[in-house]
Amino acid sequence: MHIPYGKSTLPVSLPEHVKAEWVMPRDAEPAANPRNVVAQALANSPLPTFENINSVAIAINDKTRPVPHEYLLPPLLEQLSDKDITFVIATGLHDPMPPDEFNRILPADIIEKYRVTSHDAKDDDMLVHLGKTSRGTPVFANKYFMEADLRIVVGNIEPHQFMGFSGGVKSAAIGLAGAATINHNHAIMTHEKAILGQYEGNPAREDVEEIGRMLRVDFALNAILNSKKQIVNVLAGYPVDVMREGIPLVKAIYEVPVAAPFDVMIASPGGHPKDINMYQAQKALAHAARVMKPDGTVILVAACPEGSGSESYENWVAGKQSHEDVLESFAREGFKVGPHKAFQLSRDSVKVRVLLVSEMPDELARKLLFHPIPSLDKAIEMALRDLPADARIGIMPVANATIAVLK
């Protein structure tokens, strides 16, 4: 047995008497010709034909999202051949991508032919103010995106731990928003209905949809991927319509029933780029913790070659002595993006024991309040020690995208 780890895999070795249950997405056949699927989606829902469209801005996800731009973008660009096009990399509060990294997400011919810029949520000169949402979220948006005549978002629809699902306007509404916008919106994640797999009635997602309307996002091109990051389906059209059509298709792959809670769960975010850093890998713990017994053990298998992934998260958690300390400090100081990642990790870590298998230096792992283990075999040995004979062992190889539901 192998589970994803970085750009490779790690073997999972269990004693012969131990039976493990795989909690993973259903098999979904990839499209035989992905580019044709994209072209067909665009033919079924063509681009808006507004008058006087000369400039187009296309929001694309950064290196932390496995978006298959090489298939999605060429058919889209064919329909925009006479337009002035700007690609805006939607980083949210992630660090802006430098030009020498653009080739990690875009084909070389697109980089050479079109204008490409990376968003910076903390650069006030890059932002325009659009007002407030009904929930009081101040809306600041990327000026290059807003200056265009036609605004398009390109990305994937997949489960999200508190937005319900990613996709649709989120690439622009969060990915191209200012820091104040993201902070205020993400503070809604503590609401009881801001949960994994819930779109309708989710206040965090409803706020995002309102931000998207204020940004006047005209069109969405979204892929649905299988667990191997291959295109299964592609949807195009008005963003809300794309979400409502796409979510049932995503659930059919990624929503998995679980009969009873687990004593031990071996959870991988799904490999690169989902475990590029702890900021991304945290979602695997959140999804696994939903189906754990109190005081159960989660073995988080996440390479994290880029460490924490957030300077503000890393600096804020430094010096904290326990997960209880994190929760108390976060409640006292109020919501901030960056520190919220420490909150999310500690929220689950006070309920379950977490053993971390990663490439991070032990010193950094401990600074982030993890218990680093040198190997997966050692972590499994520790987790299985003194368990009852009827203990339930689970393996989530694509935990970042799996909606495990207790039945």
Protein backbone atom coordinates (compact mmCIF):
# COMPACT_ATOMS: atom_id res chain seq x y z
CA MET A 1 0.00 0.00 0.00
CA HIS A 2 1.22 3.48 -0.84
CA ILE A 3 -0.08 6.96 -0.07
CA PRO A 4 0.86 10.29 -1.70
CA TYR A 5 3.76 12.21 -0.19
CA GLY A 6 5.12 15.27 -1.95
CA LYS A 7 5.75 14.40 -5.58
CA SER A 8 6.10 10.71 -4.76
CA THR A 9 4.52 8.18 -2.36
CA LEU A 10 5.30 6.41 0.91
CA PRO A 11 4.65 2.71 1.57
CA VAL A 12 2.15 1.90 4.31
CA SER A 13 3.16 -1.25 6.19
CA LEU A 14 0.71 -2.67 8.73
CA PRO A 15 0.98 -5.88 10.80
CA GLU A 16 -0.81 -8.84 9.21
CA HIS A 17 -3.50 -8.95 11.90
CA VAL A 18 -4.43 -5.29 11.37
CA LYS A 19 -7.19 -4.55 8.91
CA ALA A 20 -7.41 -1.02 7.54
CA GLU A 21 -10.33 0.70 5.87
CA TRP A 22 -9.60 3.02 2.97
CA VAL A 23 -11.53 6.28 3.19
CA MET A 24 -11.01 7.70 -0.23
CA PRO A 25 -12.79 9.17 -3.24
CA ARG A 26 -14.56 6.88 -5.65
CA ASP A 27 -12.85 5.98 -8.89
CA ALA A 28 -13.74 8.39 -11.67
CA GLU A 29 -12.62 7.78 -15.22
CA PRO A 30 -10.62 10.69 -16.65
CA ALA A 31 -11.73 12.32 -19.86
CA ALA A 32 -10.16 10.61 -22.85
CA ASN A 33 -9.49 13.97 -24.51
CA PRO A 34 -9.49 16.72 -21.87
CA ARG A 35 -9.06 19.56 -24.33
CA ASN A 36 -12.13 18.44 -26.27
CA VAL A 37 -14.13 18.34 -23.03
CA VAL A 38 -13.12 21.94 -22.35
CA ALA A 39 -14.06 22.99 -25.89
CA GLN A 40 -17.44 21.28 -25.56
CA ALA A 41 -18.15 23.01 -22.25
CA LEU A 42 -17.40 26.36 -23.86
CA ALA A 43 -19.58 25.49 -26.85
CA ASN A 44 -22.49 24.61 -24.56
CA SER A 45 -22.07 27.81 -22.51
CA PRO A 46 -20.33 30.37 -24.71
CA LEU A 47 -18.63 33.46 -23.40
CA PRO A 48 -20.78 36.55 -22.81
CA THR A 49 -21.16 38.73 -25.90
CA PHE A 50 -21.25 42.13 -24.25
CA GLU A 51 -20.68 45.16 -26.46
CA ASN A 52 -17.34 46.93 -26.54
CA ILE A 53 -15.27 44.14 -24.98
CA ASN A 54 -11.64 44.91 -25.73
CA SER A 55 -9.83 43.83 -22.58
CA VAL A 56 -10.15 40.58 -20.65
CA ALA A 57 -8.80 39.62 -17.21
CA ILE A 58 -8.51 35.94 -16.33
CA ALA A 59 -8.04 34.96 -12.69
CA ILE A 60 -6.01 31.77 -12.32
CA ASN A 61 -4.97 29.91 -9.18
CA ASP A 62 -1.42 29.90 -7.83
CA LYS A 63 0.99 27.00 -7.31
CA THR A 64 -0.94 25.64 -4.30
CA ARG A 65 -3.81 24.45 -6.53
CA PRO A 66 -3.51 21.60 -9.07
CA VAL A 67 -5.44 23.37 -11.83
CA PRO A 68 -4.83 21.82 -15.30
CA HIS A 69 -4.27 25.13 -17.09
CA GLU A 70 -2.60 23.37 -20.02
CA TYR A 71 -6.02 21.94 -20.97
CA LEU A 72 -8.38 24.66 -19.72
CA LEU A 73 -6.74 27.74 -21.18
CA PRO A 74 -6.03 27.04 -24.89
CA PRO A 75 -9.70 26.51 -25.91
CA LEU A 76 -10.67 29.58 -23.88
CA LEU A 77 -7.97 31.72 -25.50
CA GLU A 78 -9.10 30.62 -28.97
CA GLN A 79 -12.39 32.39 -28.31
CA LEU A 80 -10.55 35.53 -27.15
CA SER A 81 -8.01 35.73 -29.95
CA ASP A 82 -8.70 39.39 -30.75
CA LYS A 83 -8.72 40.65 -27.15
CA ASP A 84 -6.18 42.32 -24.89
CA ILE A 85 -5.73 39.61 -22.22
CA THR A 86 -4.19 39.79 -18.76
CA PHE A 87 -3.72 36.77 -16.50
CA VAL A 88 -3.90 37.65 -12.82
CA ILE A 89 -2.54 34.96 -10.48
CA ALA A 90 -4.94 34.66 -7.56
CA THR A 91 -2.76 34.27 -4.49
CA GLY A 92 -5.10 35.48 -1.76
CA LEU A 93 -2.86 36.04 1.25
CA HIS A 94 -0.19 33.68 -0.06
CA ASP A 95 3.05 35.32 -1.10
CA PRO A 96 2.94 36.77 -4.63
CA MET A 97 4.47 34.45 -7.21
CA PRO A 98 7.67 35.87 -8.78
CA PRO A 99 7.90 35.79 -12.59
CA ASP A 100 10.49 33.00 -12.54
CA GLU A 101 7.80 30.73 -11.01
CA PHE A 102 5.07 31.45 -13.55
CA ASN A 103 6.13 28.38 -15.52
CA ARG A 104 5.02 26.23 -12.58
CA ILE A 105 1.40 26.98 -13.41
CA LEU A 106 1.32 28.23 -17.02
CA PRO A 107 2.56 26.80 -20.33
CA ALA A 108 5.57 28.64 -21.76
CA ASP A 109 3.74 29.84 -24.88
CA ILE A 110 1.08 31.58 -22.76
CA ILE A 111 3.72 33.31 -20.63
CA GLU A 112 5.47 34.53 -23.78
CA LYS A 113 2.32 35.79 -25.51
CA TYR A 114 0.22 37.34 -22.74
CA ARG A 115 0.59 39.72 -19.84
CA VAL A 116 0.87 37.82 -16.54
CA THR A 117 0.87 39.46 -13.11
CA SER A 118 0.68 38.10 -9.58
CA HIS A 119 -1.77 39.53 -7.05
CA ASP A 120 -0.50 41.00 -3.78
CA ALA A 121 -3.25 41.35 -1.17
CA LYS A 122 -1.11 43.65 0.96
CA ASP A 123 -0.20 46.13 -1.79
CA ASP A 124 -2.70 48.99 -1.46
CA ASP A 125 -1.60 50.42 -4.80
CA MET A 126 -2.84 47.23 -6.47
CA LEU A 127 -6.33 47.45 -4.94
CA VAL A 128 -9.58 49.32 -5.56
CA HIS A 129 -12.33 49.69 -2.94
CA LEU A 130 -15.82 48.53 -3.95
CA GLY A 131 -17.78 48.98 -0.71
CA LYS A 132 -19.04 46.43 1.83
CA THR A 133 -21.06 43.23 1.69
CA SER A 134 -24.26 42.80 3.69
CA ARG A 135 -22.13 41.02 6.34
CA GLY A 136 -19.86 44.05 6.64
CA THR A 137 -16.92 42.65 4.69
CA PRO A 138 -14.91 45.53 3.18
CA VAL A 139 -14.33 44.64 -0.46
CA PHE A 140 -10.95 45.52 -1.95
CA ALA A 141 -10.12 43.95 -5.31
CA ASN A 142 -7.22 43.71 -7.74
CA LYS A 143 -7.28 46.78 -9.98
CA TYR A 144 -6.03 44.94 -13.08
CA PHE A 145 -8.94 42.53 -12.80
CA MET A 146 -11.43 45.34 -12.24
CA GLU A 147 -10.15 47.46 -15.13
CA ALA A 148 -10.97 44.76 -17.69
CA ASP A 149 -14.14 44.78 -19.77
CA LEU A 150 -14.66 41.02 -19.29
CA ARG A 151 -13.74 39.16 -16.07
CA ILE A 152 -13.23 35.40 -16.07
CA VAL A 153 -12.28 32.90 -13.33
CA VAL A 154 -10.58 29.58 -14.09
CA GLY A 155 -10.15 26.84 -11.49
CA ASN A 156 -11.41 23.60 -9.95
CA ILE A 157 -14.50 22.76 -7.93
CA GLU A 158 -13.48 20.69 -4.92
CA PRO A 159 -14.40 20.29 -1.24
CA HIS A 160 -13.36 23.12 1.07
CA GLN A 161 -13.19 22.86 4.83
CA PHE A 162 -15.26 25.96 5.66
CA MET A 163 -16.43 27.39 2.31
CA GLY A 164 -18.17 24.10 1.57
CA PHE A 165 -16.62 23.99 -1.89
CA SER A 166 -14.01 25.96 -3.79
CA GLY A 167 -14.65 27.07 -7.35
CA GLY A 168 -16.82 29.66 -9.04
CA VAL A 169 -16.13 33.25 -8.04
CA LYS A 170 -13.85 32.27 -5.14
CA SER A 171 -10.70 32.46 -7.29
CA ALA A 172 -11.33 36.20 -7.67
CA ALA A 173 -13.47 37.02 -4.61
CA ILE A 174 -10.76 35.68 -2.27
CA GLY A 175 -7.79 35.05 -4.55
CA LEU A 176 -7.77 38.64 -5.88
CA ALA A 177 -9.04 40.37 -2.73
CA GLY A 178 -7.28 42.65 -0.30
CA ALA A 179 -6.07 41.49 3.10
CA ALA A 180 -8.93 43.27 4.91
CA THR A 181 -11.47 41.48 2.71
CA ILE A 182 -9.96 38.05 3.29
CA ASN A 183 -9.61 38.58 7.03
CA HIS A 184 -13.22 39.65 7.48
CA ASN A 185 -14.60 36.88 5.29
CA HIS A 186 -12.50 34.13 6.83
CA ALA A 187 -13.58 35.15 10.32
CA ILE A 188 -16.96 33.64 9.40
CA MET A 189 -15.29 30.19 9.39
CA THR A 190 -16.18 29.80 13.08
CA HIS A 191 -19.92 29.81 12.23
CA GLU A 192 -21.60 26.43 12.76
CA LYS A 193 -22.79 26.30 9.14
CA ALA A 194 -19.41 27.22 7.64
CA ILE A 195 -18.45 23.59 7.14
CA LEU A 196 -17.01 21.13 4.67
CA GLY A 197 -19.38 20.11 1.90
CA GLN A 198 -22.11 22.72 2.57
CA TYR A 199 -22.74 25.31 -0.14
CA GLU A 200 -26.31 26.48 0.32
CA GLY A 201 -26.79 28.29 3.62
CA ASN A 202 -23.05 28.49 4.31
CA PRO A 203 -22.46 32.09 5.49
CA ALA A 204 -18.77 32.16 4.51
CA ARG A 205 -19.63 31.02 0.98
CA GLU A 206 -22.63 33.37 0.74
CA ASP A 207 -20.30 36.25 1.58
CA VAL A 208 -17.92 35.09 -1.15
CA GLU A 209 -20.76 35.00 -3.69
CA GLU A 210 -21.71 38.56 -2.74
CA ILE A 211 -18.08 39.67 -3.14
CA GLY A 212 -18.05 37.98 -6.54
CA ARG A 213 -21.12 39.96 -7.61
CA MET A 214 -19.44 43.19 -6.49
CA LEU A 215 -16.38 42.24 -8.57
CA ARG A 216 -18.80 41.58 -11.45
CA VAL A 217 -17.28 38.22 -12.33
CA ASP A 218 -18.82 37.43 -15.70
CA PHE A 219 -17.79 33.86 -16.45
CA ALA A 220 -16.36 30.74 -14.81
CA LEU A 221 -14.50 27.84 -16.38
CA ASN A 222 -14.13 25.10 -13.77
CA ALA A 223 -12.77 21.57 -13.90
CA ILE A 224 -13.75 18.60 -11.76
CA LEU A 225 -10.75 16.36 -11.13
CA ASN A 226 -10.47 12.81 -9.86
CA SER A 227 -8.15 11.86 -7.01
CA LYS A 228 -5.27 11.53 -9.49
CA LYS A 229 -5.75 15.19 -10.50
CA GLN A 230 -7.10 14.20 -13.94
CA ILE A 231 -9.98 16.03 -15.60
CA VAL A 232 -13.30 14.18 -15.29
CA ASN A 233 -15.63 16.98 -16.32
CA VAL A 234 -15.54 20.68 -17.20
CA LEU A 235 -18.27 23.26 -16.65
CA ALA A 236 -18.55 26.77 -18.05
CA GLY A 237 -20.98 29.65 -17.66
CA TYR A 238 -22.25 32.09 -15.07
CA PRO A 239 -20.38 31.27 -11.84
CA VAL A 240 -23.36 30.38 -9.62
CA ASP A 241 -24.80 28.12 -12.32
CA VAL A 242 -21.43 26.38 -12.64
CA MET A 243 -21.32 25.76 -8.89
CA ARG A 244 -24.83 24.39 -8.66
CA GLU A 245 -24.26 22.05 -11.58
CA GLY A 246 -20.81 21.01 -10.44
CA ILE A 247 -21.33 20.32 -6.73
CA PRO A 248 -23.44 17.15 -7.18
CA LEU A 249 -20.75 15.83 -9.54
CA VAL A 250 -18.04 16.56 -6.97
CA LYS A 251 -20.03 14.90 -4.18
CA ALA A 252 -20.52 11.79 -6.29
CA ILE A 253 -16.72 11.37 -6.29
CA TYR A 254 -15.55 12.81 -2.97
CA GLU A 255 -18.33 12.26 -0.41
CA VAL A 256 -17.65 8.95 1.37
CA PRO A 257 -19.85 7.29 4.04
CA VAL A 258 -18.13 6.01 7.19
CA ALA A 259 -19.81 3.43 9.42
CA ALA A 260 -18.18 4.40 12.74
CA PRO A 261 -15.37 6.64 14.12
CA PHE A 262 -11.76 5.52 13.89
CA ASP A 263 -9.10 4.91 16.55
CA VAL A 264 -6.25 5.61 14.12
CA MET A 265 -6.22 7.45 10.79
CA ILE A 266 -3.27 7.69 8.40
CA ALA A 267 -4.03 10.87 6.46
CA SER A 268 -2.25 12.37 3.47
CA PRO A 269 -3.39 15.69 1.96
CA GLY A 270 -2.97 14.04 -1.44
CA GLY A 271 0.62 14.84 -2.29
CA HIS A 272 1.97 17.87 -4.16
CA PRO A 273 0.79 20.64 -4.21
CA LYS A 274 -1.67 19.89 -1.41
CA ASP A 275 1.19 19.19 1.00
CA ILE A 276 3.53 21.89 -0.31
CA ASN A 277 3.37 23.50 3.14
CA MET A 278 1.47 23.17 6.43
CA TYR A 279 -0.84 26.02 5.49
CA GLN A 280 -2.29 23.70 2.82
CA ALA A 281 -1.77 20.36 4.55
CA GLN A 282 -3.80 21.43 7.60
CA LYS A 283 -6.99 20.64 5.69
CA ALA A 284 -6.15 16.93 5.78
CA LEU A 285 -6.17 16.95 9.58
CA ALA A 286 -9.46 18.88 9.64
CA HIS A 287 -11.13 16.39 7.31
CA ALA A 288 -9.77 13.35 9.14
CA ALA A 289 -10.72 14.67 12.59
CA ARG A 290 -14.41 14.65 11.59
CA VAL A 291 -14.49 10.85 11.79
CA MET A 292 -12.17 10.17 14.74
CA LYS A 293 -12.91 8.85 18.21
CA PRO A 294 -12.05 11.28 21.02
CA ASP A 295 -8.33 10.97 21.80
CA GLY A 296 -7.77 8.90 18.65
CA THR A 297 -4.55 9.27 16.66
CA VAL A 298 -4.11 10.96 13.30
CA ILE A 299 -0.84 10.31 11.50
CA LEU A 300 -0.50 13.34 9.22
CA VAL A 301 1.73 12.41 6.27
CA ALA A 302 2.63 15.69 4.57
CA ALA A 303 5.99 16.56 3.00
CA CYS A 304 5.74 20.36 3.51
CA PRO A 305 8.98 21.22 1.65
CA GLU A 306 8.09 24.92 1.99
CA GLY A 307 7.64 24.66 5.75
CA SER A 308 4.75 26.49 7.37
CA GLY A 309 3.75 28.35 4.20
CA SER A 310 2.87 31.50 6.13
CA GLU A 311 5.22 33.85 7.95
CA SER A 312 2.36 35.36 9.95
CA TYR A 313 1.16 31.90 11.07
CA GLU A 314 4.67 30.82 11.99
CA ASN A 315 5.53 34.01 13.88
CA TRP A 316 2.23 34.08 15.76
CA VAL A 317 2.43 30.50 17.01
CA ALA A 318 6.08 30.87 18.05
CA GLY A 319 6.39 30.71 21.82
CA LYS A 320 2.96 29.16 22.37
CA GLN A 321 3.35 26.20 24.72
CA SER A 322 0.23 24.18 23.94
CA HIS A 323 -2.83 23.91 21.73
CA GLU A 324 -4.91 25.20 24.62
CA ASP A 325 -2.63 28.25 24.70
CA VAL A 326 -3.28 28.80 20.99
CA LEU A 327 -7.06 28.60 21.38
CA GLU A 328 -7.07 30.96 24.36
CA SER A 329 -4.83 33.53 22.61
CA PHE A 330 -6.82 33.37 19.38
CA ALA A 331 -10.11 33.92 21.20
CA ARG A 332 -8.64 36.84 23.15
CA GLU A 333 -6.96 38.59 20.21
CA GLY A 334 -9.67 38.10 17.59
CA PHE A 335 -9.57 36.65 14.10
CA LYS A 336 -6.57 37.18 11.82
CA VAL A 337 -5.61 35.28 8.69
CA GLY A 338 -2.31 33.50 9.36
CA PRO A 339 -2.95 32.93 13.05
CA HIS A 340 -6.23 31.32 11.97
CA LYS A 341 -4.20 28.40 10.65
CA ALA A 342 -2.80 27.78 14.14
CA PHE A 343 -6.36 27.97 15.47
CA GLN A 344 -7.60 25.40 12.96
CA LEU A 345 -4.77 23.00 13.75
CA SER A 346 -5.16 23.37 17.51
CA ARG A 347 -8.95 23.07 17.35
CA ASP A 348 -8.50 19.51 16.09
CA SER A 349 -5.30 18.71 17.96
CA VAL A 350 -6.99 19.11 21.36
CA LYS A 351 -9.40 16.33 20.33
CA VAL A 352 -6.96 13.86 18.78
CA ARG A 353 -3.27 13.03 19.04
CA VAL A 354 -1.38 14.13 15.94
CA LEU A 355 1.84 12.47 14.77
CA LEU A 356 3.55 14.31 11.91
CA VAL A 357 5.63 12.66 9.20
CA SER A 358 7.16 15.39 7.03
CA GLU A 359 10.30 16.91 5.54
CA MET A 360 10.16 19.87 7.91
CA PRO A 361 13.04 20.22 10.35
CA ASP A 362 12.04 18.89 13.77
CA GLU A 363 12.69 22.30 15.30
CA LEU A 364 10.15 23.94 12.98
CA ALA A 365 7.61 21.15 13.50
CA ARG A 366 7.83 21.56 17.28
CA LYS A 367 7.58 25.33 16.93
CA LEU A 368 4.27 24.70 15.15
CA LEU A 369 3.28 22.43 18.10
CA PHE A 370 3.58 19.15 16.20
CA HIS A 371 5.06 15.87 17.38
CA PRO A 372 7.47 15.02 14.53
CA ILE A 373 8.13 11.33 13.84
CA PRO A 374 11.16 10.26 11.75
CA SER A 375 9.30 7.73 9.59
CA LEU A 376 5.82 6.51 8.74
CA ASP A 377 6.71 3.02 10.03
CA LYS A 378 7.65 4.50 13.41
CA ALA A 379 4.47 6.57 13.54
CA ILE A 380 2.34 3.52 12.77
CA GLU A 381 4.13 1.53 15.45
CA MET A 382 3.41 4.27 18.02
CA ALA A 383 -0.21 4.65 16.96
CA LEU A 384 -1.01 0.94 17.09
CA ARG A 385 0.59 0.37 20.48
CA ASP A 386 -1.90 -0.78 23.15
CA LEU A 387 -4.94 -0.55 20.90
CA PRO A 388 -7.87 -2.90 21.58
CA ALA A 389 -8.42 -5.87 19.28
CA ASP A 390 -11.47 -4.25 17.68
CA ALA A 391 -9.74 -0.94 16.97
CA ARG A 392 -10.72 0.77 13.73
CA ILE A 393 -7.82 1.82 11.48
CA GLY A 394 -8.39 4.12 8.53
CA ILE A 395 -6.32 5.44 5.64
CA MET A 396 -7.21 8.70 3.86
CA PRO A 397 -4.83 9.04 0.90
CA VAL A 398 -6.52 12.20 -0.45
CA ALA A 399 -7.76 13.72 2.80
CA ASN A 400 -7.74 17.34 1.60
CA ALA A 401 -10.52 16.54 -0.86
CA THR A 402 -12.41 13.75 0.94
CA ILE A 403 -15.76 14.50 2.57
CA ALA A 404 -16.02 11.67 5.11
CA VAL A 405 -19.55 11.46 6.52
CA LEU A 406 -20.47 9.39 9.57
CA LYS A 407 -23.58 7.35 8.86
